[in-house]
Amino acid sequence: MRLRAIQEAERILLGRLQDPPPGHFTLDASCELLGLDRQWLLDARRDLARTEAVLRQAGLRRGRRGPRGRPQSGWPSLSPAEQAVASLVADGLTNPQIGDRLYISRRIVQTHLVHIFAKLDLASRAQLAAEVTRHQ
């Protein structure tokens, strides 16, 4: 029941935010926005973590598993998020600027870039910018 409540809370939170502010939401801000009790939400998160740990031990994982619809390499293999990061790199933005623009952390930007470079077999941002130009 709490898992459904958390998922519903996340859906409501995302649905209410048409133009999210930069940075991440704090637990208190999320609770206030959703009208939830802070301790109830903390308890629910702990319950969810415990449940997922038990499922992992049983060999089950949440989320999609199995073959993906995208190719493993080349431009079509890039996810929409990776394409957005690549486009901003081609525009000359730094990782922190890209993170601010996409409302993600610098570390996530770096992870996307590592995946992009591997999928496209590139070694530099300049090569990536040239590749983006070819595909626009």
Protein backbone atom coordinates (compact mmCIF):
# COMPACT_ATOMS: atom_id res chain seq x y z
CA MET A 1 0.00 0.00 0.00
CA ARG A 2 2.76 2.44 0.86
CA LEU A 3 4.56 1.66 -2.40
CA ARG A 4 1.46 2.71 -4.31
CA ALA A 5 1.17 5.82 -2.16
CA ILE A 6 4.77 6.83 -2.90
CA GLN A 7 4.31 6.21 -6.61
CA GLU A 8 1.09 8.21 -6.57
CA ALA A 9 2.81 11.02 -4.65
CA GLU A 10 5.60 11.13 -7.22
CA ARG A 11 3.03 11.20 -10.05
CA ILE A 12 1.13 14.04 -8.39
CA LEU A 13 4.32 15.96 -7.67
CA LEU A 14 5.51 15.69 -11.25
CA GLY A 15 2.05 16.52 -12.57
CA ARG A 16 1.87 19.73 -10.54
CA LEU A 17 5.19 21.02 -11.78
CA GLN A 18 4.89 22.57 -15.20
CA ASP A 19 8.10 24.60 -14.90
CA PRO A 20 10.22 23.02 -12.14
CA PRO A 21 12.68 25.25 -10.30
CA PRO A 22 16.41 24.54 -10.63
CA GLY A 23 17.93 22.07 -8.22
CA HIS A 24 16.31 19.24 -6.34
CA PHE A 25 13.28 19.14 -4.12
CA THR A 26 13.88 18.66 -0.45
CA LEU A 27 11.83 16.17 1.51
CA ASP A 28 10.14 19.00 3.40
CA ALA A 29 9.22 20.87 0.22
CA SER A 30 7.82 17.69 -1.33
CA CYS A 31 5.75 16.93 1.77
CA GLU A 32 4.39 20.48 1.88
CA LEU A 33 3.50 20.46 -1.80
CA LEU A 34 1.75 17.08 -1.53
CA GLY A 35 0.19 17.71 1.87
CA LEU A 36 1.89 14.64 3.38
CA ASP A 37 3.24 14.03 6.86
CA ARG A 38 7.05 14.02 6.79
CA GLN A 39 7.43 11.04 9.13
CA TRP A 40 4.85 9.01 7.20
CA LEU A 41 6.79 9.60 3.98
CA LEU A 42 10.11 8.67 5.63
CA ASP A 43 8.54 5.46 6.96
CA ALA A 44 7.13 4.69 3.52
CA ARG A 45 10.54 5.18 1.91
CA ARG A 46 12.13 2.81 4.42
CA ASP A 47 9.40 0.23 3.78
CA LEU A 48 9.97 0.53 0.05
CA ALA A 49 13.74 0.10 0.46
CA ARG A 50 13.24 -3.00 2.63
CA THR A 51 10.77 -4.48 0.16
CA GLU A 52 13.10 -3.89 -2.78
CA ALA A 53 16.00 -5.48 -0.85
CA VAL A 54 13.94 -8.62 -0.22
CA LEU A 55 12.90 -8.75 -3.88
CA ARG A 56 16.53 -8.32 -5.02
CA GLN A 57 17.58 -11.23 -2.81
CA ALA A 58 14.88 -13.29 -4.51
CA GLY A 59 16.30 -12.30 -7.90
CA LEU A 60 13.53 -9.82 -8.76
CA ARG A 61 14.06 -6.19 -9.70
CA ARG A 62 11.74 -3.30 -10.33
CA GLY A 63 11.74 -1.69 -13.72
CA ARG A 64 11.98 -2.88 -17.26
CA ARG A 65 14.19 -5.85 -17.99
CA GLY A 66 14.91 -7.71 -21.18
CA PRO A 67 15.83 -6.62 -24.67
CA ARG A 68 15.74 -2.91 -25.44
CA GLY A 69 14.21 -1.38 -28.52
CA ARG A 70 17.26 0.77 -29.36
CA PRO A 71 20.43 -0.41 -31.10
CA GLN A 72 23.58 -0.84 -28.99
CA SER A 73 25.73 1.68 -30.86
CA GLY A 74 25.51 4.62 -33.24
CA TRP A 75 23.33 7.72 -33.13
CA PRO A 76 20.02 5.78 -32.94
CA SER A 77 21.25 4.09 -29.74
CA LEU A 78 21.21 7.39 -27.81
CA SER A 79 18.37 7.87 -25.35
CA PRO A 80 16.40 11.14 -25.48
CA ALA A 81 18.32 12.37 -22.42
CA GLU A 82 21.64 11.51 -24.04
CA GLN A 83 20.59 13.34 -27.22
CA ALA A 84 19.68 16.41 -25.16
CA VAL A 85 23.07 16.36 -23.42
CA ALA A 86 24.87 15.89 -26.75
CA SER A 87 23.02 18.83 -28.25
CA LEU A 88 23.97 21.09 -25.35
CA VAL A 89 27.61 19.97 -25.58
CA ALA A 90 27.51 20.96 -29.26
CA ASP A 91 26.18 24.37 -28.17
CA GLY A 92 29.35 24.78 -26.08
CA LEU A 93 27.85 24.39 -22.60
CA THR A 94 29.88 22.98 -19.71
CA ASN A 95 28.70 20.05 -17.59
CA PRO A 96 27.43 22.32 -14.78
CA GLN A 97 25.57 24.49 -17.31
CA ILE A 98 24.03 21.41 -18.93
CA GLY A 99 22.99 20.14 -15.51
CA ASP A 100 21.33 23.45 -14.67
CA ARG A 101 19.54 23.55 -18.02
CA LEU A 102 18.22 19.96 -17.74
CA TYR A 103 17.65 20.01 -13.94
CA ILE A 104 20.09 17.13 -13.38
CA SER A 105 23.34 16.87 -11.44
CA ARG A 106 26.78 17.32 -12.97
CA ARG A 107 27.44 13.67 -12.18
CA ILE A 108 24.43 12.55 -14.24
CA VAL A 109 25.65 14.76 -17.11
CA GLN A 110 29.05 13.07 -16.86
CA THR A 111 27.41 9.62 -16.87
CA HIS A 112 25.41 10.51 -19.98
CA LEU A 113 28.61 11.70 -21.68
CA VAL A 114 30.45 8.48 -20.82
CA HIS A 115 27.59 6.50 -22.37
CA ILE A 116 27.46 8.77 -25.43
CA PHE A 117 31.21 8.52 -26.04
CA ALA A 118 31.07 4.72 -25.75
CA LYS A 119 28.02 4.34 -28.01
CA LEU A 120 29.43 6.66 -30.69
CA ASP A 121 33.07 5.57 -30.24
CA LEU A 122 34.20 9.14 -29.64
CA ALA A 123 36.96 10.55 -27.45
CA SER A 124 36.28 14.28 -27.17
CA ARG A 125 33.58 16.90 -26.89
CA ALA A 126 34.74 18.37 -30.22
CA GLN A 127 34.11 15.04 -31.95
CA LEU A 128 30.71 14.88 -30.28
CA ALA A 129 29.86 18.41 -31.49
CA ALA A 130 30.75 17.40 -35.06
CA GLU A 131 28.58 14.27 -34.75
CA VAL A 132 25.63 16.31 -33.45
CA THR A 133 25.99 18.71 -36.39
CA ARG A 134 25.87 15.79 -38.83
CA HIS A 135 22.62 14.53 -37.29
CA GLN A 136 20.71 17.80 -37.09
